[in-house]
Amino acid sequence: MRHHHIDLSSVLRGTVCALYSNLVTRPTGAAVRTEIERAIAEIGGRTVTVIDFSEVTLLDFSCADEIVAKLMLRYAPADAEPVVPPEAPADGEGYFLFRGLGDRHLDAVEAVLERHRLAIVAVFDGLPCLIGDVSQTERETWELLRDRGPSDADLVARERGETFEAAARRLEALACRGLAVRVDGGYAAIGTLGPTEAAA
């Protein structure tokens, strides 16, 4: 699995305008998202893109919708039905890890995630966490993957005291939502694998 890092302020500086610390207006968000999609397509295959908000001073609802929500809707729609084997977009299988989100960003991000029934993996104080629309059982299963490392449905079922079928379906749903990734023999939480640990 390939990893690459995108500093949103650098994308703004290079593609939109000199006022690269502010992500405001829908056209600005669309231009930034297009650049991210282009980078994913160029890399190809399975990719974890780290999207860094650290240098972004202002984020409005329209930009959060264009960047965060539309990326997740394209690569990991909330209403996707689990499919085995998975079918990736023709231009690559994209996963996202969000860094640098602070109080100045979270109102807009959480609003668009709730609106579209999406969730993302964000890093806070060095720890990957879920934010957005997830059930308690999804959150507990994802945190088990984060804390225990790559796991299969047998292990999850034993840990949670549930049927294999229930664990398998939830793991596949997490993968379809872009919150976990299929690895050899199981699943791993996004944000926990290094560049070479996921199976191609």
Protein backbone atom coordinates (compact mmCIF):
# COMPACT_ATOMS: atom_id res chain seq x y z
CA MET A 1 0.00 0.00 0.00
CA ARG A 2 1.40 3.37 -1.03
CA HIS A 3 1.34 6.34 1.36
CA HIS A 4 1.65 9.99 0.48
CA HIS A 5 1.19 13.24 2.37
CA ILE A 6 -0.71 16.30 1.16
CA ASP A 7 -0.32 19.62 2.96
CA LEU A 8 -3.49 21.49 2.00
CA SER A 9 -1.79 24.88 2.34
CA SER A 10 0.75 23.79 -0.30
CA VAL A 11 -2.05 22.70 -2.64
CA LEU A 12 -3.74 26.06 -2.18
CA ARG A 13 -0.50 27.92 -2.81
CA GLY A 14 0.18 25.98 -5.97
CA THR A 15 -3.25 25.74 -7.53
CA VAL A 16 -5.62 28.36 -6.18
CA CYS A 17 -4.22 31.57 -4.74
CA ALA A 18 -1.61 33.10 -2.48
CA LEU A 19 -3.98 33.21 0.50
CA TYR A 20 -3.14 29.62 1.18
CA SER A 21 -4.03 29.51 4.88
CA ASN A 22 -7.78 29.83 4.25
CA LEU A 23 -10.03 27.16 2.76
CA VAL A 24 -13.17 29.09 1.93
CA THR A 25 -15.70 29.04 -0.96
CA ARG A 26 -16.86 26.00 -2.88
CA PRO A 27 -14.72 26.64 -6.00
CA THR A 28 -11.59 26.68 -3.81
CA GLY A 29 -12.56 23.38 -2.19
CA ALA A 30 -13.33 21.83 -5.58
CA ALA A 31 -9.94 22.91 -6.96
CA VAL A 32 -8.12 21.39 -3.98
CA ARG A 33 -10.10 18.14 -4.22
CA THR A 34 -9.35 17.88 -7.95
CA GLU A 35 -5.62 18.15 -7.21
CA ILE A 36 -5.86 15.42 -4.55
CA GLU A 37 -7.78 13.13 -6.94
CA ARG A 38 -5.16 13.76 -9.64
CA ALA A 39 -2.38 12.76 -7.24
CA ILE A 40 -4.20 9.55 -6.27
CA ALA A 41 -4.74 8.66 -9.93
CA GLU A 42 -1.06 9.26 -10.73
CA ILE A 43 0.11 6.98 -7.93
CA GLY A 44 -2.49 4.30 -8.71
CA GLY A 45 -3.20 1.10 -6.83
CA ARG A 46 -4.04 1.17 -3.12
CA THR A 47 -3.14 4.48 -1.56
CA VAL A 48 -3.41 6.06 1.88
CA THR A 49 -3.41 9.83 1.47
CA VAL A 50 -2.55 11.86 4.56
CA ILE A 51 -4.43 15.15 4.32
CA ASP A 52 -2.84 17.72 6.60
CA PHE A 53 -4.87 20.69 7.88
CA SER A 54 -2.12 21.93 10.22
CA GLU A 55 -1.42 25.14 8.30
CA VAL A 56 -5.06 25.86 7.40
CA THR A 57 -6.33 28.77 9.47
CA LEU A 58 -9.93 28.89 8.29
CA LEU A 59 -12.16 26.12 6.90
CA ASP A 60 -15.75 26.83 5.94
CA PHE A 61 -18.62 24.39 5.44
CA SER A 62 -18.48 24.48 1.63
CA CYS A 63 -14.77 23.61 1.53
CA ALA A 64 -15.22 20.84 4.09
CA ASP A 65 -18.01 19.48 1.93
CA GLU A 66 -15.96 19.66 -1.28
CA ILE A 67 -12.76 18.20 0.19
CA VAL A 68 -13.65 15.88 3.04
CA ALA A 69 -17.15 14.71 2.17
CA LYS A 70 -16.75 14.41 -1.60
CA LEU A 71 -13.46 12.53 -1.33
CA MET A 72 -15.04 10.04 1.06
CA LEU A 73 -18.19 9.77 -1.06
CA ARG A 74 -16.12 9.01 -4.14
CA TYR A 75 -13.78 6.44 -2.65
CA ALA A 76 -15.81 5.08 0.27
CA PRO A 77 -19.52 5.92 0.02
CA ALA A 78 -21.45 5.39 3.25
CA ASP A 79 -24.17 3.37 1.52
CA ALA A 80 -21.78 1.01 -0.28
CA GLU A 81 -22.74 -2.63 -0.02
CA PRO A 82 -19.91 -4.95 1.01
CA VAL A 83 -18.48 -6.63 -2.09
CA VAL A 84 -15.96 -9.47 -2.15
CA PRO A 85 -13.69 -9.20 -4.03
CA PRO A 86 -13.69 -5.40 -3.63
CA GLU A 87 -14.19 -3.21 -6.68
CA ALA A 88 -11.94 -0.14 -6.59
CA PRO A 89 -12.42 3.00 -8.68
CA ALA A 90 -10.64 2.75 -12.02
CA ASP A 91 -8.18 5.48 -11.00
CA GLY A 92 -7.13 3.83 -7.76
CA GLU A 93 -8.27 2.54 -4.38
CA GLY A 94 -8.07 5.54 -2.06
CA TYR A 95 -8.03 5.72 1.74
CA PHE A 96 -7.57 8.87 3.80
CA LEU A 97 -5.99 9.82 7.10
CA PHE A 98 -6.62 13.34 8.34
CA ARG A 99 -4.05 15.23 10.44
CA GLY A 100 -3.92 18.67 11.97
CA LEU A 101 -7.65 19.03 12.56
CA GLY A 102 -8.28 21.50 15.37
CA ASP A 103 -11.24 23.27 16.90
CA ARG A 104 -11.20 25.79 14.04
CA HIS A 105 -11.89 22.97 11.56
CA LEU A 106 -14.02 20.46 13.44
CA ASP A 107 -17.37 22.26 13.39
CA ALA A 108 -17.40 22.28 9.58
CA VAL A 109 -15.95 18.78 9.21
CA GLU A 110 -18.33 17.17 11.71
CA ALA A 111 -21.31 18.95 10.13
CA VAL A 112 -20.60 17.58 6.64
CA LEU A 113 -19.86 14.10 7.97
CA GLU A 114 -23.18 14.05 9.79
CA ARG A 115 -25.02 15.41 6.76
CA HIS A 116 -23.68 12.66 4.48
CA ARG A 117 -23.57 9.91 7.14
CA LEU A 118 -19.82 9.54 6.72
CA ALA A 119 -16.91 8.94 9.07
CA ILE A 120 -13.18 9.55 8.78
CA VAL A 121 -9.99 8.55 10.56
CA ALA A 122 -8.27 11.54 12.14
CA VAL A 123 -5.11 11.69 14.24
CA PHE A 124 -5.30 13.51 17.58
CA ASP A 125 -2.23 13.63 19.84
CA GLY A 126 -0.67 10.86 17.80
CA LEU A 127 -3.63 8.47 18.10
CA PRO A 128 -5.88 7.57 15.14
CA CYS A 129 -9.55 8.07 16.06
CA LEU A 130 -12.91 7.89 14.32
CA ILE A 131 -15.04 10.99 13.93
CA GLY A 132 -18.38 11.21 12.19
CA ASP A 133 -21.33 8.89 11.77
CA VAL A 134 -20.46 5.50 13.25
CA SER A 135 -22.41 3.16 15.49
CA GLN A 136 -21.07 2.09 18.85
CA THR A 137 -20.42 -1.45 17.59
CA GLU A 138 -18.55 -0.09 14.54
CA ARG A 139 -16.46 2.14 16.78
CA GLU A 140 -15.64 -0.70 19.19
CA THR A 141 -14.68 -3.03 16.33
CA TRP A 142 -12.51 -0.38 14.68
CA GLU A 143 -10.78 0.43 17.97
CA LEU A 144 -10.09 -3.28 18.45
CA LEU A 145 -8.31 -3.28 15.06
CA ARG A 146 -6.40 -0.14 16.02
CA ASP A 147 -5.30 -1.48 19.39
CA ARG A 148 -4.73 -5.16 18.52
CA GLY A 149 -3.39 -4.77 15.00
CA PRO A 150 -4.60 -6.59 11.86
CA SER A 151 -7.30 -9.08 12.81
CA ASP A 152 -9.68 -11.47 11.10
CA ALA A 153 -13.35 -12.14 11.77
CA ASP A 154 -12.56 -15.12 14.01
CA LEU A 155 -10.51 -13.00 16.40
CA VAL A 156 -13.04 -10.14 16.41
CA ALA A 157 -15.91 -12.54 17.05
CA ARG A 158 -14.08 -14.11 20.00
CA GLU A 159 -13.08 -10.76 21.48
CA ARG A 160 -16.58 -9.35 21.19
CA GLY A 161 -18.53 -12.50 22.00
CA GLU A 162 -20.49 -12.47 18.76
CA THR A 163 -21.00 -14.68 15.73
CA PHE A 164 -18.42 -15.00 13.00
CA GLU A 165 -21.00 -13.76 10.49
CA ALA A 166 -21.71 -10.56 12.44
CA ALA A 167 -18.02 -9.79 12.86
CA ALA A 168 -17.23 -10.52 9.21
CA ARG A 169 -20.01 -8.28 7.93
CA ARG A 170 -19.00 -5.38 10.20
CA LEU A 171 -15.33 -5.65 9.21
CA GLU A 172 -16.27 -5.61 5.54
CA ALA A 173 -18.55 -2.62 6.13
CA LEU A 174 -15.69 -0.73 7.79
CA ALA A 175 -13.52 -1.46 4.75
CA CYS A 176 -16.25 -0.30 2.37
CA ARG A 177 -16.51 2.94 4.33
CA GLY A 178 -12.77 3.57 4.02
CA LEU A 179 -12.11 3.18 7.75
CA ALA A 180 -10.27 -0.14 7.51
CA VAL A 181 -8.32 -1.87 4.78
CA ARG A 182 -8.26 -5.51 3.76
CA VAL A 183 -4.91 -7.12 4.43
CA ASP A 184 -3.73 -10.69 3.96
CA GLY A 185 -6.15 -12.78 6.01
CA GLY A 186 -7.91 -9.94 7.77
CA TYR A 187 -8.41 -6.20 8.21
CA ALA A 188 -6.40 -3.30 9.61
CA ALA A 189 -7.51 0.10 10.83
CA ILE A 190 -6.51 3.02 8.63
CA GLY A 191 -3.69 4.89 10.31
CA THR A 192 -2.00 1.82 11.77
CA LEU A 193 -0.10 0.34 8.81
CA GLY A 194 3.22 1.37 7.36
CA PRO A 195 3.74 1.79 3.60
CA THR A 196 4.65 -1.85 2.95
CA GLU A 197 2.44 -3.69 5.44
CA ALA A 198 -0.77 -3.98 3.44
CA ALA A 199 -1.11 -6.59 0.76
CA ALA A 200 -1.40 -5.28 -2.78
